[in-house]
Every structure is written in C-alpha cells, then in structure tokens.
Amino acid sequence: MLFLDTKKSDREYLFPFAQKADKTIRAIDQKKAIFFEPMQFPDSLPFFGGVTLEMGFPETPGGTEYLNRQVLNDHAYCCQAGGEAACPDGEPTLDLYDMCRAFHS
C-alpha cells in the first residue's frame, strides 16, 4: 500500500507536486511565503507497534533560494492517543502537553 510508505509517496508524488506549485507561484510572486506539508498520516503508528515512518521531502520545494519564504506546515496529531474526548475542539489544549509529548516520543 503506497500510502503507508510515506517516504515513497512524498518523494514520488507529493514533493514533485509541491515543486511544480512552488514554481508556478514564483512565476507570479517572488515575495510571498509558501507553506508546504509532507504526508502526515501515518507518520507514526504507535498503535501498531511503534512504527515510525520517514518524511520523504529531500529539501524544501523551492530549494535553497527561497528558504526565507517557505514554511514547513507540520501538525501534531496526539488527539488520537487520548480519544475523541481529549480534543473536543479538534486541537490539543496546553493541559494535554504531557500526553502529547509522550505520544510523539
């Protein structure tokens, strides 16, 4: 299943798409910050034995020329560790810091 191999999916599909999007945007606007995000799930599978999968972006989509105008948009999905009741608004609150830290460790 390709989606379970985040490194392969990132390198072969998502990264080339992000590079093309970056190039298209930069042709129109050189100044704006562009957000990018590799596959997020499943980046770690603690419920299946603690398997951690790798991000497959070898560099930022715009390369080194635009490092000051690119943002890695990373997410934390620790809410699944505590069940739906842990994050009723969809985002963890500060009081869940210890649970989230343990989940991502």
N, C-alpha and C. Protein backbone atom coordinates (compact mmCIF):
# COMPACT_ATOMS: atom_id res chain seq x y z
N MET A 1 0.84 -1.18 0.00
CA MET A 1 0.00 0.00 0.00
C MET A 1 0.88 1.23 0.00
N LEU A 2 0.82 1.99 -1.06
CA LEU A 2 1.70 3.14 -1.23
C LEU A 2 1.53 4.17 -0.13
N PHE A 3 0.29 4.43 0.31
CA PHE A 3 0.09 5.49 1.31
C PHE A 3 0.76 5.16 2.63
N LEU A 4 1.03 3.89 2.92
CA LEU A 4 1.73 3.54 4.15
C LEU A 4 3.22 3.80 4.05
N ASP A 5 3.73 3.94 2.86
CA ASP A 5 5.15 4.26 2.67
C ASP A 5 5.25 5.76 2.43
N THR A 6 5.26 6.53 3.53
CA THR A 6 5.22 7.99 3.41
C THR A 6 6.43 8.53 2.67
N LYS A 7 7.59 7.93 2.85
CA LYS A 7 8.78 8.42 2.17
C LYS A 7 8.63 8.27 0.65
N LYS A 8 8.16 7.12 0.21
CA LYS A 8 7.97 6.88 -1.23
C LYS A 8 6.88 7.80 -1.77
N SER A 9 5.77 7.90 -1.08
CA SER A 9 4.67 8.77 -1.53
C SER A 9 5.11 10.22 -1.60
N ASP A 10 5.84 10.67 -0.58
CA ASP A 10 6.34 12.04 -0.58
C ASP A 10 7.26 12.29 -1.76
N ARG A 11 8.26 11.42 -1.94
CA ARG A 11 9.26 11.63 -2.99
C ARG A 11 8.70 11.51 -4.39
N GLU A 12 7.82 10.55 -4.62
CA GLU A 12 7.36 10.28 -5.98
C GLU A 12 6.13 11.08 -6.39
N TYR A 13 5.34 11.53 -5.42
CA TYR A 13 4.09 12.21 -5.77
C TYR A 13 3.98 13.61 -5.18
N LEU A 14 4.06 13.70 -3.87
CA LEU A 14 3.79 14.97 -3.21
C LEU A 14 4.90 15.99 -3.42
N PHE A 15 6.16 15.59 -3.31
CA PHE A 15 7.27 16.54 -3.49
C PHE A 15 7.30 17.11 -4.91
N PRO A 16 7.20 16.29 -5.97
CA PRO A 16 7.16 16.87 -7.31
C PRO A 16 5.97 17.82 -7.51
N PHE A 17 4.82 17.48 -6.92
CA PHE A 17 3.65 18.37 -7.00
C PHE A 17 3.96 19.70 -6.30
N ALA A 18 4.57 19.63 -5.12
CA ALA A 18 4.90 20.85 -4.37
C ALA A 18 5.92 21.70 -5.13
N GLN A 19 6.89 21.05 -5.78
CA GLN A 19 7.87 21.79 -6.58
C GLN A 19 7.19 22.51 -7.75
N LYS A 20 6.27 21.82 -8.40
CA LYS A 20 5.56 22.43 -9.53
C LYS A 20 4.70 23.60 -9.05
N ALA A 21 4.01 23.42 -7.92
CA ALA A 21 3.19 24.50 -7.37
C ALA A 21 4.07 25.70 -6.99
N ASP A 22 5.21 25.42 -6.36
CA ASP A 22 6.12 26.50 -5.98
C ASP A 22 6.61 27.26 -7.21
N LYS A 23 7.00 26.53 -8.24
CA LYS A 23 7.50 27.16 -9.47
C LYS A 23 6.41 28.03 -10.12
N THR A 24 5.18 27.53 -10.13
CA THR A 24 4.06 28.27 -10.71
C THR A 24 3.77 29.55 -9.93
N ILE A 25 3.77 29.44 -8.61
CA ILE A 25 3.53 30.62 -7.76
C ILE A 25 4.67 31.63 -7.91
N ARG A 26 5.90 31.14 -7.91
CA ARG A 26 7.06 32.04 -8.01
C ARG A 26 7.12 32.77 -9.34
N ALA A 27 6.52 32.21 -10.38
CA ALA A 27 6.49 32.90 -11.67
C ALA A 27 5.64 34.16 -11.58
N ILE A 28 4.73 34.19 -10.63
CA ILE A 28 3.83 35.34 -10.45
C ILE A 28 4.25 36.21 -9.27
N ASP A 29 4.72 35.58 -8.19
CA ASP A 29 5.03 36.32 -6.96
C ASP A 29 6.27 35.74 -6.29
N GLN A 30 7.32 36.52 -6.21
CA GLN A 30 8.58 36.09 -5.61
C GLN A 30 8.66 36.35 -4.10
N LYS A 31 7.73 37.13 -3.56
CA LYS A 31 7.85 37.59 -2.18
C LYS A 31 7.05 36.82 -1.15
N LYS A 32 5.96 36.21 -1.54
CA LYS A 32 5.07 35.55 -0.58
C LYS A 32 5.71 34.30 0.03
N ALA A 33 5.34 34.04 1.26
CA ALA A 33 5.74 32.79 1.92
C ALA A 33 4.81 31.68 1.43
N ILE A 34 5.38 30.54 1.13
CA ILE A 34 4.61 29.40 0.66
C ILE A 34 4.72 28.30 1.71
N PHE A 35 3.59 27.75 2.10
CA PHE A 35 3.53 26.67 3.07
C PHE A 35 3.51 25.34 2.34
N PHE A 36 4.24 24.37 2.87
CA PHE A 36 4.22 23.03 2.29
C PHE A 36 4.13 22.02 3.42
N GLU A 37 3.66 20.84 3.07
CA GLU A 37 3.48 19.81 4.09
C GLU A 37 3.63 18.43 3.47
N PRO A 38 4.51 17.62 4.04
CA PRO A 38 4.60 16.23 3.60
C PRO A 38 3.41 15.44 4.13
N MET A 39 3.30 14.19 3.72
CA MET A 39 2.22 13.35 4.24
C MET A 39 2.30 13.32 5.76
N GLN A 40 1.17 13.44 6.40
CA GLN A 40 1.15 13.46 7.85
C GLN A 40 0.75 12.13 8.46
N PHE A 41 -0.11 11.41 7.80
CA PHE A 41 -0.57 10.18 8.41
C PHE A 41 -0.48 9.07 7.39
N PRO A 42 0.06 7.96 7.71
CA PRO A 42 0.58 7.65 9.04
C PRO A 42 2.08 7.92 9.10
N ASP A 43 2.47 9.00 9.80
CA ASP A 43 3.89 9.26 10.00
C ASP A 43 4.41 8.52 11.21
N SER A 44 3.51 8.16 12.11
CA SER A 44 3.87 7.27 13.20
C SER A 44 2.66 6.41 13.51
N LEU A 45 2.92 5.18 13.83
CA LEU A 45 1.85 4.23 14.08
C LEU A 45 2.03 3.61 15.46
N PRO A 46 1.85 4.38 16.53
CA PRO A 46 2.09 3.83 17.86
C PRO A 46 1.13 2.70 18.21
N PHE A 47 0.00 2.68 17.52
CA PHE A 47 -0.99 1.65 17.82
C PHE A 47 -0.67 0.33 17.12
N PHE A 48 0.34 0.33 16.25
CA PHE A 48 0.74 -0.87 15.52
C PHE A 48 2.19 -1.22 15.84
N GLY A 49 2.58 -1.08 17.07
CA GLY A 49 3.92 -1.47 17.49
C GLY A 49 4.95 -0.38 17.48
N GLY A 50 4.56 0.86 17.34
CA GLY A 50 5.51 1.97 17.40
C GLY A 50 6.31 2.17 16.13
N VAL A 51 5.76 1.83 14.98
CA VAL A 51 6.45 2.02 13.71
C VAL A 51 6.50 3.51 13.39
N THR A 52 7.68 4.03 13.09
CA THR A 52 7.82 5.42 12.69
C THR A 52 8.26 5.46 11.24
N LEU A 53 7.54 6.20 10.43
CA LEU A 53 7.84 6.30 9.01
C LEU A 53 8.51 7.64 8.73
N GLU A 54 9.31 7.68 7.68
CA GLU A 54 10.10 8.86 7.39
C GLU A 54 9.40 9.82 6.43
N MET A 55 9.68 11.11 6.61
CA MET A 55 9.25 12.11 5.64
C MET A 55 10.14 11.98 4.42
N GLY A 56 9.57 12.09 3.24
CA GLY A 56 10.35 11.88 2.03
C GLY A 56 10.73 13.11 1.26
N PHE A 57 10.53 14.31 1.81
CA PHE A 57 10.95 15.51 1.10
C PHE A 57 12.47 15.64 1.26
N PRO A 58 13.23 15.59 0.18
CA PRO A 58 14.69 15.69 0.30
C PRO A 58 15.17 17.12 0.58
N GLU A 59 14.32 18.09 0.29
CA GLU A 59 14.62 19.51 0.53
C GLU A 59 13.30 20.27 0.49
N THR A 60 13.35 21.57 0.66
CA THR A 60 12.13 22.35 0.54
C THR A 60 11.74 22.43 -0.94
N PRO A 61 10.45 22.56 -1.24
CA PRO A 61 10.01 22.56 -2.63
C PRO A 61 10.64 23.64 -3.50
N GLY A 62 10.92 24.80 -2.92
CA GLY A 62 11.52 25.89 -3.69
C GLY A 62 13.04 25.89 -3.67
N GLY A 63 13.64 24.94 -2.98
CA GLY A 63 15.09 24.88 -2.89
C GLY A 63 15.66 25.94 -1.99
N THR A 64 16.97 26.07 -1.98
CA THR A 64 17.66 26.98 -1.06
C THR A 64 17.43 28.45 -1.38
N GLU A 65 17.09 28.77 -2.61
CA GLU A 65 16.89 30.17 -2.99
C GLU A 65 15.74 30.81 -2.21
N TYR A 66 14.76 30.02 -1.81
CA TYR A 66 13.57 30.57 -1.15
C TYR A 66 13.44 30.12 0.31
N LEU A 67 14.51 29.76 0.95
CA LEU A 67 14.42 29.28 2.33
C LEU A 67 13.75 30.28 3.27
N ASN A 68 13.94 31.55 3.02
CA ASN A 68 13.32 32.56 3.90
C ASN A 68 11.87 32.86 3.52
N ARG A 69 11.33 32.13 2.54
CA ARG A 69 9.95 32.32 2.12
C ARG A 69 9.21 30.99 1.96
N GLN A 70 9.63 30.00 2.73
CA GLN A 70 8.96 28.70 2.73
C GLN A 70 8.72 28.28 4.17
N VAL A 71 7.58 27.64 4.41
CA VAL A 71 7.22 27.26 5.77
C VAL A 71 6.79 25.80 5.78
N LEU A 72 7.45 25.01 6.62
CA LEU A 72 7.03 23.63 6.83
C LEU A 72 5.79 23.67 7.72
N ASN A 73 4.68 23.26 7.20
CA ASN A 73 3.40 23.27 7.92
C ASN A 73 3.20 21.90 8.53
N ASP A 74 3.76 21.68 9.69
CA ASP A 74 3.69 20.38 10.33
C ASP A 74 2.57 20.38 11.36
N HIS A 75 2.00 19.23 11.60
CA HIS A 75 0.89 19.09 12.53
C HIS A 75 1.21 18.06 13.60
N ALA A 76 0.55 18.20 14.73
CA ALA A 76 0.65 17.21 15.80
C ALA A 76 -0.71 16.55 15.94
N TYR A 77 -0.72 15.24 15.85
CA TYR A 77 -1.98 14.50 15.94
C TYR A 77 -2.00 13.66 17.20
N CYS A 78 -1.80 14.27 18.33
CA CYS A 78 -1.80 13.49 19.57
C CYS A 78 -3.20 13.23 20.09
N CYS A 79 -4.19 13.86 19.49
CA CYS A 79 -5.56 13.66 19.98
C CYS A 79 -6.00 12.21 19.88
N GLN A 80 -5.49 11.47 18.88
CA GLN A 80 -5.89 10.08 18.79
C GLN A 80 -5.39 9.26 19.98
N ALA A 81 -4.37 9.72 20.66
CA ALA A 81 -3.85 9.00 21.82
C ALA A 81 -4.82 9.04 23.00
N GLY A 82 -5.58 10.12 23.10
CA GLY A 82 -6.49 10.27 24.22
C GLY A 82 -7.95 10.08 23.87
N GLY A 83 -8.22 9.70 22.64
CA GLY A 83 -9.60 9.53 22.22
C GLY A 83 -10.27 10.84 21.87
N GLU A 84 -11.44 10.77 21.35
CA GLU A 84 -12.17 11.95 20.89
C GLU A 84 -12.39 12.98 22.00
N ALA A 85 -12.59 12.52 23.22
CA ALA A 85 -12.85 13.43 24.34
C ALA A 85 -11.62 14.27 24.69
N ALA A 86 -10.43 13.82 24.29
CA ALA A 86 -9.20 14.55 24.64
C ALA A 86 -9.13 15.90 23.94
N CYS A 87 -9.67 16.02 22.75
CA CYS A 87 -9.58 17.25 21.97
C CYS A 87 -10.95 17.58 21.40
N PRO A 88 -11.88 18.03 22.23
CA PRO A 88 -13.25 18.26 21.75
C PRO A 88 -13.35 19.33 20.66
N ASP A 89 -12.40 20.26 20.61
CA ASP A 89 -12.42 21.29 19.58
C ASP A 89 -11.51 20.95 18.40
N GLY A 90 -10.93 19.74 18.42
CA GLY A 90 -10.09 19.31 17.31
C GLY A 90 -8.61 19.59 17.50
N GLU A 91 -8.25 20.37 18.48
CA GLU A 91 -6.85 20.69 18.75
C GLU A 91 -6.54 20.41 20.21
N PRO A 92 -5.32 19.94 20.49
CA PRO A 92 -4.97 19.71 21.90
C PRO A 92 -4.81 21.02 22.65
N THR A 93 -5.21 21.02 23.89
CA THR A 93 -5.04 22.19 24.74
C THR A 93 -3.73 22.06 25.52
N LEU A 94 -3.28 23.13 26.10
CA LEU A 94 -1.99 23.11 26.80
C LEU A 94 -1.96 22.11 27.95
N ASP A 95 -3.09 21.84 28.57
CA ASP A 95 -3.09 20.88 29.67
C ASP A 95 -2.82 19.44 29.19
N LEU A 96 -2.84 19.21 27.88
CA LEU A 96 -2.54 17.88 27.32
C LEU A 96 -1.08 17.75 26.89
N TYR A 97 -0.26 18.69 27.29
CA TYR A 97 1.14 18.69 26.89
C TYR A 97 1.83 17.35 27.18
N ASP A 98 1.69 16.85 28.40
CA ASP A 98 2.38 15.61 28.77
C ASP A 98 1.90 14.44 27.92
N MET A 99 0.61 14.34 27.68
CA MET A 99 0.08 13.26 26.86
C MET A 99 0.61 13.37 25.42
N CYS A 100 0.61 14.58 24.88
CA CYS A 100 1.08 14.77 23.51
C CYS A 100 2.58 14.49 23.38
N ARG A 101 3.32 14.94 24.35
CA ARG A 101 4.77 14.70 24.35
C ARG A 101 5.06 13.21 24.38
N ALA A 102 4.36 12.49 25.24
CA ALA A 102 4.55 11.03 25.35
C ALA A 102 4.14 10.34 24.05
N PHE A 103 3.06 10.79 23.43
CA PHE A 103 2.59 10.21 22.18
C PHE A 103 3.63 10.36 21.07
N HIS A 104 4.23 11.53 20.98
CA HIS A 104 5.19 11.79 19.91
C HIS A 104 6.59 11.25 20.22
N SER A 105 6.83 10.87 21.45
CA SER A 105 8.12 10.27 21.78
C SER A 105 8.20 8.86 21.24
